[in-house]
Amino acid sequence: MKASILFGAMLLAAAVSANRAAEGASPDAGTPLWPPIEPFKTGDLEVSALHQIHYELSGNPKGKPVMVLHGGPGAKSVPYYRRYFDPAKFLIVLFDQRGCGLSKPLFELGENTTWDLVEDIEKLRRHLGLGKVILFGGSWGSTLGLAYAETHPEATAGIVLRGIFTATKEEIEHYYRGVRLFFPEAHDRLAGVLGRTPSPQAVLELVQSSDEARRKRGERAWGIYEFKIAELQARDADVARLILSPALAETVRSLALIENHYMANGCFFEEGQLQRNAYKIKDIPAVFVNGRYDMICPPGTAYALHKALPKSRLVIAEASGHSQQEPAIEKAMLAAMREFE
């Protein structure tokens, strides 16, 4: 498995990347990513009586603002994300969504829906005094980016999204059950821990157990399942070692809890809502990137969205799975951001 693995949206690998970034690790030699940088400002914004979100700013304070949307739901922002943007040309805004990362309260499901997060983006944009923003994200970050852009097209300057997920019943069903056609052993391991066929409701019930040992068993089982199916070649021993790392315990928990809370509620969308409302963003410059062999977000969804938006550009990254750090995906995302410089 490559060093500093990051699967971004919807994945435990966001936690892995955060852990390794904290250790000073960097992506493979020869990466085209921009050099590491540090934020020039961090802060916390109260978005409701219950929640406050943590954010950071890096790059050029007067540059083109780009809002980075992390995965999960329930992952967090990591330093790796800063490296997709020319720091001389972009103002890079990272933030942790409700209930996860450095946002407070941690693990909170109350007032935690897609539409709460959409308005958090808008509140943060206004708080920072930004004009139109470029939306950058992957997997769940793509879902949230589309939801924000369709709600606030007047505030969206551009869209660069990876691993497109529009949260239809078919996509959610594939995530929990369809993947068994390709990863039958991973699917069976999760089913064995759950004691029944995997579903968002089954996982959520387990990870909300009052029995701590049972809860942790469920969290780890979910993490191992996600991590295994996210990359083309993820070795079982590496997966288990990373998921069991004490340094990742909080993110493992927040992903298992918050992600399944969202999936159990259809991510709080009407069926087909994001595809149906795509016309609202038809004139916004958009680049979509999807791994050819993405087992979590198969490319058919990205293709359908691209067909609905003739002015968009779709890049199918060959020999790539879901991980944002697959070389072809990484290069495509970097190239897309250069189009917005």
C-alpha atoms as a PDB file:
ATOM      1  CA  MET A   1       0.000   0.000   0.000  1.00  0.00           C
ATOM      2  CA  LYS A   2       1.357   3.423  -0.875  1.00  0.00           C
ATOM      3  CA  ALA A   3       2.508   5.753   1.884  1.00  0.00           C
ATOM      4  CA  SER A   4       0.157   8.421   3.197  1.00  0.00           C
ATOM      5  CA  ILE A   5      -2.955   6.757   1.764  1.00  0.00           C
ATOM      6  CA  LEU A   6      -5.921   9.057   1.370  1.00  0.00           C
ATOM      7  CA  PHE A   7      -9.344   8.031   0.116  1.00  0.00           C
ATOM      8  CA  GLY A   8     -10.932  11.377   0.880  1.00  0.00           C
ATOM      9  CA  ALA A   9     -14.628  11.232   0.834  1.00  0.00           C
ATOM     10  CA  MET A  10     -16.564   8.541   2.503  1.00  0.00           C
ATOM     11  CA  LEU A  11     -13.488   6.677   3.689  1.00  0.00           C
ATOM     12  CA  LEU A  12     -11.376   5.723   6.622  1.00  0.00           C
ATOM     13  CA  ALA A  13      -8.363   6.678   4.599  1.00  0.00           C
ATOM     14  CA  ALA A  14      -8.983  10.301   5.495  1.00  0.00           C
ATOM     15  CA  ALA A  15      -8.075   9.260   9.008  1.00  0.00           C
ATOM     16  CA  VAL A  16      -5.030   7.396   7.765  1.00  0.00           C
ATOM     17  CA  SER A  17      -3.824  10.454   5.895  1.00  0.00           C
ATOM     18  CA  ALA A  18      -4.352  12.658   8.928  1.00  0.00           C
ATOM     19  CA  ASN A  19      -2.340  10.275  11.079  1.00  0.00           C
ATOM     20  CA  ARG A  20       0.551  10.068   8.653  1.00  0.00           C
ATOM     21  CA  ALA A  21       0.496  13.779   7.908  1.00  0.00           C
ATOM     22  CA  ALA A  22       0.883  14.383  11.636  1.00  0.00           C
ATOM     23  CA  GLU A  23       3.971  12.183  11.487  1.00  0.00           C
ATOM     24  CA  GLY A  24       5.424  14.326   8.718  1.00  0.00           C
ATOM     25  CA  ALA A  25       4.946  11.744   5.968  1.00  0.00           C
ATOM     26  CA  SER A  26       4.536  12.870   2.368  1.00  0.00           C
ATOM     27  CA  PRO A  27       3.155  11.211  -0.761  1.00  0.00           C
ATOM     28  CA  ASP A  28       5.296   9.028  -3.004  1.00  0.00           C
ATOM     29  CA  ALA A  29       8.439  10.472  -4.574  1.00  0.00           C
ATOM     30  CA  GLY A  30       7.786  12.205  -7.860  1.00  0.00           C
ATOM     31  CA  THR A  31       4.330  13.465  -6.896  1.00  0.00           C
ATOM     32  CA  PRO A  32       3.184  16.511  -8.873  1.00  0.00           C
ATOM     33  CA  LEU A  33       1.491  17.948  -5.796  1.00  0.00           C
ATOM     34  CA  TRP A  34       2.381  21.441  -4.633  1.00  0.00           C
ATOM     35  CA  PRO A  35       4.828  21.574  -1.690  1.00  0.00           C
ATOM     36  CA  PRO A  36       3.400  21.350   1.849  1.00  0.00           C
ATOM     37  CA  ILE A  37       2.259  24.642   3.368  1.00  0.00           C
ATOM     38  CA  GLU A  38       0.890  25.729   6.733  1.00  0.00           C
ATOM     39  CA  PRO A  39      -2.315  27.715   7.330  1.00  0.00           C
ATOM     40  CA  PHE A  40      -1.981  31.409   8.052  1.00  0.00           C
ATOM     41  CA  LYS A  41      -5.221  31.447  10.035  1.00  0.00           C
ATOM     42  CA  THR A  42      -7.443  29.000  11.923  1.00  0.00           C
ATOM     43  CA  GLY A  43     -10.737  29.604  13.653  1.00  0.00           C
ATOM     44  CA  ASP A  44     -14.058  28.266  14.866  1.00  0.00           C
ATOM     45  CA  LEU A  45     -17.435  29.411  13.616  1.00  0.00           C
ATOM     46  CA  GLU A  46     -20.637  28.899  15.586  1.00  0.00           C
ATOM     47  CA  VAL A  47     -23.162  27.659  13.050  1.00  0.00           C
ATOM     48  CA  SER A  48     -25.961  26.776  15.466  1.00  0.00           C
ATOM     49  CA  ALA A  49     -26.680  26.754  19.177  1.00  0.00           C
ATOM     50  CA  LEU A  50     -25.313  23.209  19.197  1.00  0.00           C
ATOM     51  CA  HIS A  51     -22.508  23.141  16.624  1.00  0.00           C
ATOM     52  CA  GLN A  52     -19.332  25.037  15.827  1.00  0.00           C
ATOM     53  CA  ILE A  53     -17.100  24.163  12.892  1.00  0.00           C
ATOM     54  CA  HIS A  54     -13.330  24.454  12.753  1.00  0.00           C
ATOM     55  CA  TYR A  55     -11.728  26.018   9.683  1.00  0.00           C
ATOM     56  CA  GLU A  56      -8.320  27.003   8.360  1.00  0.00           C
ATOM     57  CA  LEU A  57      -7.045  29.316   5.639  1.00  0.00           C
ATOM     58  CA  SER A  58      -3.857  28.859   3.642  1.00  0.00           C
ATOM     59  CA  GLY A  59      -2.321  30.092   0.407  1.00  0.00           C
ATOM     60  CA  ASN A  60      -2.870  33.637  -0.838  1.00  0.00           C
ATOM     61  CA  PRO A  61      -5.307  35.728   1.279  1.00  0.00           C
ATOM     62  CA  LYS A  62      -6.232  37.622  -1.910  1.00  0.00           C
ATOM     63  CA  GLY A  63      -6.300  34.566  -4.163  1.00  0.00           C
ATOM     64  CA  LYS A  64      -9.281  32.855  -5.773  1.00  0.00           C
ATOM     65  CA  PRO A  65     -11.204  31.169  -2.945  1.00  0.00           C
ATOM     66  CA  VAL A  66     -11.540  27.384  -3.107  1.00  0.00           C
ATOM     67  CA  MET A  67     -13.695  25.554  -0.581  1.00  0.00           C
ATOM     68  CA  VAL A  68     -12.393  22.050   0.133  1.00  0.00           C
ATOM     69  CA  LEU A  69     -15.081  19.520   1.096  1.00  0.00           C
ATOM     70  CA  HIS A  70     -13.805  16.457   2.931  1.00  0.00           C
ATOM     71  CA  GLY A  71     -15.264  13.000   2.788  1.00  0.00           C
ATOM     72  CA  GLY A  72     -17.228  10.749   5.043  1.00  0.00           C
ATOM     73  CA  PRO A  73     -19.620  12.019   6.176  1.00  0.00           C
ATOM     74  CA  GLY A  74     -17.608  11.956   9.373  1.00  0.00           C
ATOM     75  CA  ALA A  75     -14.015  12.235   8.154  1.00  0.00           C
ATOM     76  CA  LYS A  76     -12.032  15.473   8.516  1.00  0.00           C
ATOM     77  CA  SER A  77      -9.766  17.869   6.660  1.00  0.00           C
ATOM     78  CA  VAL A  78      -6.086  16.914   6.384  1.00  0.00           C
ATOM     79  CA  PRO A  79      -2.961  18.849   5.297  1.00  0.00           C
ATOM     80  CA  TYR A  80      -2.717  16.781   2.112  1.00  0.00           C
ATOM     81  CA  TYR A  81      -5.669  18.687   0.649  1.00  0.00           C
ATOM     82  CA  ARG A  82      -3.737  21.973   0.627  1.00  0.00           C
ATOM     83  CA  ARG A  83      -1.323  20.560  -1.928  1.00  0.00           C
ATOM     84  CA  TYR A  84      -3.735  20.556  -4.879  1.00  0.00           C
ATOM     85  CA  PHE A  85      -3.607  24.320  -5.275  1.00  0.00           C
ATOM     86  CA  ASP A  86      -0.997  26.865  -6.308  1.00  0.00           C
ATOM     87  CA  PRO A  87      -0.627  28.741  -3.006  1.00  0.00           C
ATOM     88  CA  ALA A  88       0.233  31.944  -4.859  1.00  0.00           C
ATOM     89  CA  LYS A  89      -3.059  31.909  -6.754  1.00  0.00           C
ATOM     90  CA  PHE A  90      -5.653  30.392  -4.425  1.00  0.00           C
ATOM     91  CA  LEU A  91      -7.089  31.107  -1.003  1.00  0.00           C
ATOM     92  CA  ILE A  92      -7.522  27.557   0.301  1.00  0.00           C
ATOM     93  CA  VAL A  93     -10.352  27.033   2.786  1.00  0.00           C
ATOM     94  CA  LEU A  94     -10.508  23.767   4.706  1.00  0.00           C
ATOM     95  CA  PHE A  95     -13.068  23.006   7.404  1.00  0.00           C
ATOM     96  CA  ASP A  96     -14.313  20.063   9.446  1.00  0.00           C
ATOM     97  CA  GLN A  97     -17.980  19.267   9.029  1.00  0.00           C
ATOM     98  CA  ARG A  98     -20.367  18.899  11.960  1.00  0.00           C
ATOM     99  CA  GLY A  99     -19.540  16.214  14.504  1.00  0.00           C
ATOM    100  CA  CYS A 100     -16.050  15.368  13.293  1.00  0.00           C
ATOM    101  CA  GLY A 101     -12.410  16.462  13.249  1.00  0.00           C
ATOM    102  CA  LEU A 102     -11.854  19.586  15.354  1.00  0.00           C
ATOM    103  CA  SER A 103     -15.470  20.714  15.101  1.00  0.00           C
ATOM    104  CA  LYS A 104     -17.586  20.497  18.247  1.00  0.00           C
ATOM    105  CA  PRO A 105     -19.353  18.625  19.693  1.00  0.00           C
ATOM    106  CA  LEU A 106     -17.608  15.505  18.406  1.00  0.00           C
ATOM    107  CA  PHE A 107     -19.826  12.569  17.305  1.00  0.00           C
ATOM    108  CA  GLU A 108     -22.982  14.700  17.501  1.00  0.00           C
ATOM    109  CA  LEU A 109     -25.840  13.527  15.230  1.00  0.00           C
ATOM    110  CA  GLY A 110     -28.359  16.158  16.286  1.00  0.00           C
ATOM    111  CA  GLU A 111     -28.810  18.963  13.747  1.00  0.00           C
ATOM    112  CA  ASN A 112     -26.498  17.018  11.445  1.00  0.00           C
ATOM    113  CA  THR A 113     -27.996  16.698   7.968  1.00  0.00           C
ATOM    114  CA  THR A 114     -26.872  17.480   4.442  1.00  0.00           C
ATOM    115  CA  TRP A 115     -28.843  20.712   4.485  1.00  0.00           C
ATOM    116  CA  ASP A 116     -27.241  21.803   7.744  1.00  0.00           C
ATOM    117  CA  LEU A 117     -23.844  21.265   6.105  1.00  0.00           C
ATOM    118  CA  VAL A 118     -24.875  23.133   2.953  1.00  0.00           C
ATOM    119  CA  GLU A 119     -25.801  26.159   5.010  1.00  0.00           C
ATOM    120  CA  ASP A 120     -22.597  25.824   7.047  1.00  0.00           C
ATOM    121  CA  ILE A 121     -20.644  26.305   3.814  1.00  0.00           C
ATOM    122  CA  GLU A 122     -22.679  29.402   3.044  1.00  0.00           C
ATOM    123  CA  LYS A 123     -22.265  30.761   6.588  1.00  0.00           C
ATOM    124  CA  LEU A 124     -18.512  30.188   6.403  1.00  0.00           C
ATOM    125  CA  ARG A 125     -18.305  31.833   2.977  1.00  0.00           C
ATOM    126  CA  ARG A 126     -20.110  34.903   4.294  1.00  0.00           C
ATOM    127  CA  HIS A 127     -18.141  34.926   7.554  1.00  0.00           C
ATOM    128  CA  LEU A 128     -14.887  35.028   5.584  1.00  0.00           C
ATOM    129  CA  GLY A 129     -16.217  37.724   3.253  1.00  0.00           C
ATOM    130  CA  LEU A 130     -15.690  35.632   0.145  1.00  0.00           C
ATOM    131  CA  GLY A 131     -17.284  36.112  -3.233  1.00  0.00           C
ATOM    132  CA  LYS A 132     -17.887  33.157  -5.517  1.00  0.00           C
ATOM    133  CA  VAL A 133     -16.015  30.019  -4.476  1.00  0.00           C
ATOM    134  CA  ILE A 134     -14.618  27.024  -6.335  1.00  0.00           C
ATOM    135  CA  LEU A 135     -15.845  23.745  -4.818  1.00  0.00           C
ATOM    136  CA  PHE A 136     -13.290  20.933  -4.546  1.00  0.00           C
ATOM    137  CA  GLY A 137     -13.994  17.513  -3.055  1.00  0.00           C
ATOM    138  CA  GLY A 138     -14.472  13.817  -3.564  1.00  0.00           C
ATOM    139  CA  SER A 139     -16.954  11.047  -2.797  1.00  0.00           C
ATOM    140  CA  TRP A 140     -19.147  12.475  -0.004  1.00  0.00           C
ATOM    141  CA  GLY A 141     -17.406  15.766  -0.767  1.00  0.00           C
ATOM    142  CA  SER A 142     -18.830  15.505  -4.294  1.00  0.00           C
ATOM    143  CA  THR A 143     -22.322  14.971  -2.890  1.00  0.00           C
ATOM    144  CA  LEU A 144     -22.048  17.977  -0.622  1.00  0.00           C
ATOM    145  CA  GLY A 145     -20.493  20.079  -3.390  1.00  0.00           C
ATOM    146  CA  LEU A 146     -23.347  19.326  -5.764  1.00  0.00           C
ATOM    147  CA  ALA A 147     -25.933  20.031  -3.066  1.00  0.00           C
ATOM    148  CA  TYR A 148     -24.324  23.389  -2.272  1.00  0.00           C
ATOM    149  CA  ALA A 149     -23.910  24.406  -5.913  1.00  0.00           C
ATOM    150  CA  GLU A 150     -27.520  23.544  -6.753  1.00  0.00           C
ATOM    151  CA  THR A 151     -28.711  25.512  -3.701  1.00  0.00           C
ATOM    152  CA  HIS A 152     -26.348  28.470  -4.152  1.00  0.00           C
ATOM    153  CA  PRO A 153     -25.377  28.615  -7.840  1.00  0.00           C
ATOM    154  CA  GLU A 154     -24.905  32.381  -7.540  1.00  0.00           C
ATOM    155  CA  ALA A 155     -22.045  31.770  -5.094  1.00  0.00           C
ATOM    156  CA  THR A 156     -20.319  29.009  -7.077  1.00  0.00           C
ATOM    157  CA  ALA A 157     -17.489  29.897  -9.473  1.00  0.00           C
ATOM    158  CA  GLY A 158     -16.485  26.373 -10.423  1.00  0.00           C
ATOM    159  CA  ILE A 159     -16.692  22.704  -9.512  1.00  0.00           C
ATOM    160  CA  VAL A 160     -13.919  20.081  -9.339  1.00  0.00           C
ATOM    161  CA  LEU A 161     -15.261  16.825  -7.928  1.00  0.00           C
ATOM    162  CA  ARG A 162     -14.012  13.239  -7.704  1.00  0.00           C
ATOM    163  CA  GLY A 163     -15.773   9.924  -7.169  1.00  0.00           C
ATOM    164  CA  ILE A 164     -19.271  11.202  -7.862  1.00  0.00           C
ATOM    165  CA  PHE A 165     -21.928  10.043  -5.397  1.00  0.00           C
ATOM    166  CA  THR A 166     -25.490  11.327  -5.704  1.00  0.00           C
ATOM    167  CA  ALA A 167     -26.934   9.227  -2.850  1.00  0.00           C
ATOM    168  CA  THR A 168     -29.625   7.386  -4.784  1.00  0.00           C
ATOM    169  CA  LYS A 169     -31.070   4.167  -3.399  1.00  0.00           C
ATOM    170  CA  GLU A 170     -29.193   2.257  -6.088  1.00  0.00           C
ATOM    171  CA  GLU A 171     -25.838   3.800  -5.112  1.00  0.00           C
ATOM    172  CA  ILE A 172     -26.365   3.158  -1.407  1.00  0.00           C
ATOM    173  CA  GLU A 173     -27.496  -0.405  -2.105  1.00  0.00           C
ATOM    174  CA  HIS A 174     -24.367  -0.982  -4.174  1.00  0.00           C
ATOM    175  CA  TYR A 175     -22.149   0.349  -1.388  1.00  0.00           C
ATOM    176  CA  TYR A 176     -23.482  -2.083   1.197  1.00  0.00           C
ATOM    177  CA  ARG A 177     -24.415  -5.100  -0.917  1.00  0.00           C
ATOM    178  CA  GLY A 178     -23.437  -4.801  -4.561  1.00  0.00           C
ATOM    179  CA  VAL A 179     -19.745  -4.666  -3.693  1.00  0.00           C
ATOM    180  CA  ARG A 180     -19.959  -8.321  -2.628  1.00  0.00           C
ATOM    181  CA  LEU A 181     -19.644  -9.303  -6.310  1.00  0.00           C
ATOM    182  CA  PHE A 182     -16.075  -7.985  -6.232  1.00  0.00           C
ATOM    183  CA  PHE A 183     -15.167  -8.301  -2.537  1.00  0.00           C
ATOM    184  CA  PRO A 184     -17.191 -11.300  -1.287  1.00  0.00           C
ATOM    185  CA  GLU A 185     -14.819 -11.973   1.613  1.00  0.00           C
ATOM    186  CA  ALA A 186     -14.949  -8.346   2.828  1.00  0.00           C
ATOM    187  CA  HIS A 187     -18.737  -8.353   2.578  1.00  0.00           C
ATOM    188  CA  ASP A 188     -18.986 -11.638   4.490  1.00  0.00           C
ATOM    189  CA  ARG A 189     -16.672 -10.399   7.255  1.00  0.00           C
ATOM    190  CA  LEU A 190     -18.873  -7.360   7.818  1.00  0.00           C
ATOM    191  CA  ALA A 191     -22.030  -9.482   7.711  1.00  0.00           C
ATOM    192  CA  GLY A 192     -20.494 -11.823  10.271  1.00  0.00           C
ATOM    193  CA  VAL A 193     -19.937  -9.012  12.754  1.00  0.00           C
ATOM    194  CA  LEU A 194     -23.402  -7.568  12.137  1.00  0.00           C
ATOM    195  CA  GLY A 195     -25.082 -10.955  12.301  1.00  0.00           C
ATOM    196  CA  ARG A 196     -27.132 -10.059   9.248  1.00  0.00           C
ATOM    197  CA  THR A 197     -26.908  -8.658   5.726  1.00  0.00           C
ATOM    198  CA  PRO A 198     -25.072  -5.292   5.771  1.00  0.00           C
ATOM    199  CA  SER A 199     -27.231  -2.181   5.610  1.00  0.00           C
ATOM    200  CA  PRO A 200     -26.865   1.366   6.949  1.00  0.00           C
ATOM    201  CA  GLN A 201     -29.459   0.653   9.622  1.00  0.00           C
ATOM    202  CA  ALA A 202     -27.675  -2.502  10.780  1.00  0.00           C
ATOM    203  CA  VAL A 203     -24.306  -0.784  11.069  1.00  0.00           C
ATOM    204  CA  LEU A 204     -25.783   2.289  12.764  1.00  0.00           C
ATOM    205  CA  GLU A 205     -27.538   0.147  15.351  1.00  0.00           C
ATOM    206  CA  LEU A 206     -24.285  -1.611  16.202  1.00  0.00           C
ATOM    207  CA  VAL A 207     -22.108   1.502  16.418  1.00  0.00           C
ATOM    208  CA  GLN A 208     -24.664   3.171  18.695  1.00  0.00           C
ATOM    209  CA  SER A 209     -24.614   0.256  21.140  1.00  0.00           C
ATOM    210  CA  SER A 210     -24.325   1.126  24.834  1.00  0.00           C
ATOM    211  CA  ASP A 211     -21.981  -1.848  25.139  1.00  0.00           C
ATOM    212  CA  GLU A 212     -18.569  -0.290  24.476  1.00  0.00           C
ATOM    213  CA  ALA A 213     -16.908  -3.512  23.338  1.00  0.00           C
ATOM    214  CA  ARG A 214     -19.749  -4.222  20.927  1.00  0.00           C
ATOM    215  CA  ARG A 215     -19.677  -0.630  19.635  1.00  0.00           C
ATOM    216  CA  LYS A 216     -15.942  -0.704  18.991  1.00  0.00           C
ATOM    217  CA  ARG A 217     -16.245  -4.050  17.236  1.00  0.00           C
ATOM    218  CA  GLY A 218     -18.808  -2.516  14.906  1.00  0.00           C
ATOM    219  CA  GLU A 219     -16.744   0.603  14.266  1.00  0.00           C
ATOM    220  CA  ARG A 220     -13.690  -1.419  13.363  1.00  0.00           C
ATOM    221  CA  ALA A 221     -15.638  -3.824  11.183  1.00  0.00           C
ATOM    222  CA  TRP A 222     -17.081  -0.920   9.209  1.00  0.00           C
ATOM    223  CA  GLY A 223     -13.671   0.714   8.885  1.00  0.00           C
ATOM    224  CA  ILE A 224     -12.047  -2.481   7.645  1.00  0.00           C
ATOM    225  CA  TYR A 225     -14.821  -2.950   5.076  1.00  0.00           C
ATOM    226  CA  GLU A 226     -14.491   0.591   3.702  1.00  0.00           C
ATOM    227  CA  PHE A 227     -10.723   0.613   3.672  1.00  0.00           C
ATOM    228  CA  LYS A 228     -10.523  -2.750   1.919  1.00  0.00           C
ATOM    229  CA  ILE A 229     -12.849  -1.877  -0.943  1.00  0.00           C
ATOM    230  CA  ALA A 230     -11.532   1.637  -1.499  1.00  0.00           C
ATOM    231  CA  GLU A 231      -8.182   0.844  -3.087  1.00  0.00           C
ATOM    232  CA  LEU A 232      -7.313  -1.474  -5.930  1.00  0.00           C
ATOM    233  CA  GLN A 233      -4.752  -3.358  -3.859  1.00  0.00           C
ATOM    234  CA  ALA A 234      -5.275  -3.044  -0.117  1.00  0.00           C
ATOM    235  CA  ARG A 235      -3.655  -5.862   1.867  1.00  0.00           C
ATOM    236  CA  ASP A 236      -5.686  -7.243   4.757  1.00  0.00           C
ATOM    237  CA  ALA A 237      -2.793  -6.964   7.229  1.00  0.00           C
ATOM    238  CA  ASP A 238      -2.257  -3.289   6.401  1.00  0.00           C
ATOM    239  CA  VAL A 239      -5.955  -2.562   6.671  1.00  0.00           C
ATOM    240  CA  ALA A 240      -6.250  -4.191  10.103  1.00  0.00           C
ATOM    241  CA  ARG A 241      -3.118  -2.472  11.407  1.00  0.00           C
ATOM    242  CA  LEU A 242      -4.334   0.972  10.405  1.00  0.00           C
ATOM    243  CA  ILE A 243      -7.891   0.558  11.638  1.00  0.00           C
ATOM    244  CA  LEU A 244      -6.679  -0.716  15.011  1.00  0.00           C
ATOM    245  CA  SER A 245      -4.271   2.193  15.471  1.00  0.00           C
ATOM    246  CA  PRO A 246      -5.171   4.122  18.668  1.00  0.00           C
ATOM    247  CA  ALA A 247      -4.288   7.355  16.868  1.00  0.00           C
ATOM    248  CA  LEU A 248      -7.182   6.790  14.476  1.00  0.00           C
ATOM    249  CA  ALA A 249      -9.799   5.740  17.030  1.00  0.00           C
ATOM    250  CA  GLU A 250     -11.764   9.007  16.998  1.00  0.00           C
ATOM    251  CA  THR A 251     -11.965   9.182  13.209  1.00  0.00           C
ATOM    252  CA  VAL A 252     -12.839   5.500  12.928  1.00  0.00           C
ATOM    253  CA  ARG A 253     -15.726   6.164  15.310  1.00  0.00           C
ATOM    254  CA  SER A 254     -16.952   9.376  13.700  1.00  0.00           C
ATOM    255  CA  LEU A 255     -16.935   7.828  10.236  1.00  0.00           C
ATOM    256  CA  ALA A 256     -18.793   4.702  11.303  1.00  0.00           C
ATOM    257  CA  LEU A 257     -21.360   6.718  13.247  1.00  0.00           C
ATOM    258  CA  ILE A 258     -21.939   9.762  11.064  1.00  0.00           C
ATOM    259  CA  GLU A 259     -21.625   8.057   7.701  1.00  0.00           C
ATOM    260  CA  ASN A 260     -24.182   5.401   8.545  1.00  0.00           C
ATOM    261  CA  HIS A 261     -26.471   8.031  10.097  1.00  0.00           C
ATOM    262  CA  TYR A 262     -26.469   9.767   6.718  1.00  0.00           C
ATOM    263  CA  MET A 263     -26.838   6.627   4.626  1.00  0.00           C
ATOM    264  CA  ALA A 264     -29.668   5.328   6.805  1.00  0.00           C
ATOM    265  CA  ASN A 265     -31.512   8.552   6.001  1.00  0.00           C
ATOM    266  CA  GLY A 266     -30.796   8.547   2.266  1.00  0.00           C
ATOM    267  CA  CYS A 267     -28.389  11.424   2.918  1.00  0.00           C
ATOM    268  CA  PHE A 268     -31.494  13.556   3.469  1.00  0.00           C
ATOM    269  CA  PHE A 269     -32.332  13.834  -0.242  1.00  0.00           C
ATOM    270  CA  GLU A 270     -35.448  13.093  -2.202  1.00  0.00           C
ATOM    271  CA  GLU A 271     -34.745  10.187  -4.525  1.00  0.00           C
ATOM    272  CA  GLY A 272     -32.768  11.377  -7.561  1.00  0.00           C
ATOM    273  CA  GLN A 273     -32.723  14.971  -6.321  1.00  0.00           C
ATOM    274  CA  LEU A 274     -29.163  15.868  -7.275  1.00  0.00           C
ATOM    275  CA  GLN A 275     -29.437  14.540 -10.818  1.00  0.00           C
ATOM    276  CA  ARG A 276     -32.889  16.081 -11.260  1.00  0.00           C
ATOM    277  CA  ASN A 277     -31.670  19.530 -10.212  1.00  0.00           C
ATOM    278  CA  ALA A 278     -28.437  19.440 -12.199  1.00  0.00           C
ATOM    279  CA  TYR A 279     -29.885  21.991 -14.634  1.00  0.00           C
ATOM    280  CA  LYS A 280     -29.359  24.634 -11.934  1.00  0.00           C
ATOM    281  CA  ILE A 281     -25.582  24.371 -12.405  1.00  0.00           C
ATOM    282  CA  LYS A 282     -25.521  23.916 -16.187  1.00  0.00           C
ATOM    283  CA  ASP A 283     -23.522  27.105 -16.763  1.00  0.00           C
ATOM    284  CA  ILE A 284     -20.974  26.612 -13.967  1.00  0.00           C
ATOM    285  CA  PRO A 285     -17.576  25.304 -15.172  1.00  0.00           C
ATOM    286  CA  ALA A 286     -17.287  21.731 -13.889  1.00  0.00           C
ATOM    287  CA  VAL A 287     -14.728  18.932 -14.027  1.00  0.00           C
ATOM    288  CA  PHE A 288     -15.597  15.450 -12.767  1.00  0.00           C
ATOM    289  CA  VAL A 289     -12.964  12.765 -12.142  1.00  0.00           C
ATOM    290  CA  ASN A 290     -13.763   9.108 -11.479  1.00  0.00           C
ATOM    291  CA  GLY A 291     -11.700   5.965 -11.155  1.00  0.00           C
ATOM    292  CA  ARG A 292     -12.551   3.328 -13.743  1.00  0.00           C
ATOM    293  CA  TYR A 293     -12.644   0.667 -11.014  1.00  0.00           C
ATOM    294  CA  ASP A 294     -14.059   2.747  -8.188  1.00  0.00           C
ATOM    295  CA  MET A 295     -15.971   0.178  -6.121  1.00  0.00           C
ATOM    296  CA  ILE A 296     -17.634   2.748  -3.861  1.00  0.00           C
ATOM    297  CA  CYS A 297     -18.631   5.299  -6.499  1.00  0.00           C
ATOM    298  CA  PRO A 298     -18.708   3.472  -9.867  1.00  0.00           C
ATOM    299  CA  PRO A 299     -18.187   5.747 -12.890  1.00  0.00           C
ATOM    300  CA  GLY A 300     -21.711   5.309 -14.209  1.00  0.00           C
ATOM    301  CA  THR A 301     -22.962   8.007 -11.841  1.00  0.00           C
ATOM    302  CA  ALA A 302     -20.305  10.487 -12.978  1.00  0.00           C
ATOM    303  CA  TYR A 303     -21.102   9.673 -16.597  1.00  0.00           C
ATOM    304  CA  ALA A 304     -24.828  10.294 -16.084  1.00  0.00           C
ATOM    305  CA  LEU A 305     -24.133  13.628 -14.395  1.00  0.00           C
ATOM    306  CA  HIS A 306     -21.760  14.641 -17.173  1.00  0.00           C
ATOM    307  CA  LYS A 307     -24.415  13.795 -19.780  1.00  0.00           C
ATOM    308  CA  ALA A 308     -26.863  16.019 -17.914  1.00  0.00           C
ATOM    309  CA  LEU A 309     -24.315  18.856 -17.977  1.00  0.00           C
ATOM    310  CA  PRO A 310     -22.983  19.118 -21.556  1.00  0.00           C
ATOM    311  CA  LYS A 311     -20.571  21.923 -20.625  1.00  0.00           C
ATOM    312  CA  SER A 312     -18.885  19.772 -17.982  1.00  0.00           C
ATOM    313  CA  ARG A 313     -15.771  17.687 -18.544  1.00  0.00           C
ATOM    314  CA  LEU A 314     -15.451  14.086 -17.361  1.00  0.00           C
ATOM    315  CA  VAL A 315     -12.132  12.331 -16.792  1.00  0.00           C
ATOM    316  CA  ILE A 316     -12.254   8.565 -16.286  1.00  0.00           C
ATOM    317  CA  ALA A 317      -8.982   7.643 -14.607  1.00  0.00           C
ATOM    318  CA  GLU A 318      -7.889   4.257 -15.895  1.00  0.00           C
ATOM    319  CA  ALA A 319      -6.329   1.658 -13.563  1.00  0.00           C
ATOM    320  CA  SER A 320      -7.753   3.585 -10.607  1.00  0.00           C
ATOM    321  CA  GLY A 321     -10.056   2.812  -7.723  1.00  0.00           C
ATOM    322  CA  HIS A 322     -11.646   5.238  -5.288  1.00  0.00           C
ATOM    323  CA  SER A 323      -8.553   6.678  -3.639  1.00  0.00           C
ATOM    324  CA  GLN A 324      -7.813  10.297  -4.394  1.00  0.00           C
ATOM    325  CA  GLN A 325      -4.162   9.370  -4.256  1.00  0.00           C
ATOM    326  CA  GLU A 326      -4.328   6.961  -7.167  1.00  0.00           C
ATOM    327  CA  PRO A 327      -1.737   8.565  -9.505  1.00  0.00           C
ATOM    328  CA  ALA A 328      -4.124   9.105 -12.429  1.00  0.00           C
ATOM    329  CA  ILE A 329      -6.778  10.650 -10.186  1.00  0.00           C
ATOM    330  CA  GLU A 330      -4.294  12.880  -8.409  1.00  0.00           C
ATOM    331  CA  LYS A 331      -2.948  14.199 -11.712  1.00  0.00           C
ATOM    332  CA  ALA A 332      -6.432  14.787 -13.105  1.00  0.00           C
ATOM    333  CA  MET A 333      -7.498  16.765 -10.038  1.00  0.00           C
ATOM    334  CA  LEU A 334      -4.357  18.863 -10.182  1.00  0.00           C
ATOM    335  CA  ALA A 335      -4.842  19.534 -13.884  1.00  0.00           C
ATOM    336  CA  ALA A 336      -8.455  20.532 -13.258  1.00  0.00           C
ATOM    337  CA  MET A 337      -7.426  23.108 -10.668  1.00  0.00           C
ATOM    338  CA  ARG A 338      -4.889  24.603 -13.071  1.00  0.00           C
ATOM    339  CA  GLU A 339      -7.812  25.351 -15.407  1.00  0.00           C
ATOM    340  CA  PHE A 340      -9.192  27.678 -12.725  1.00  0.00           C
ATOM    341  CA  GLU A 341      -5.979  29.622 -12.056  1.00  0.00           C
END
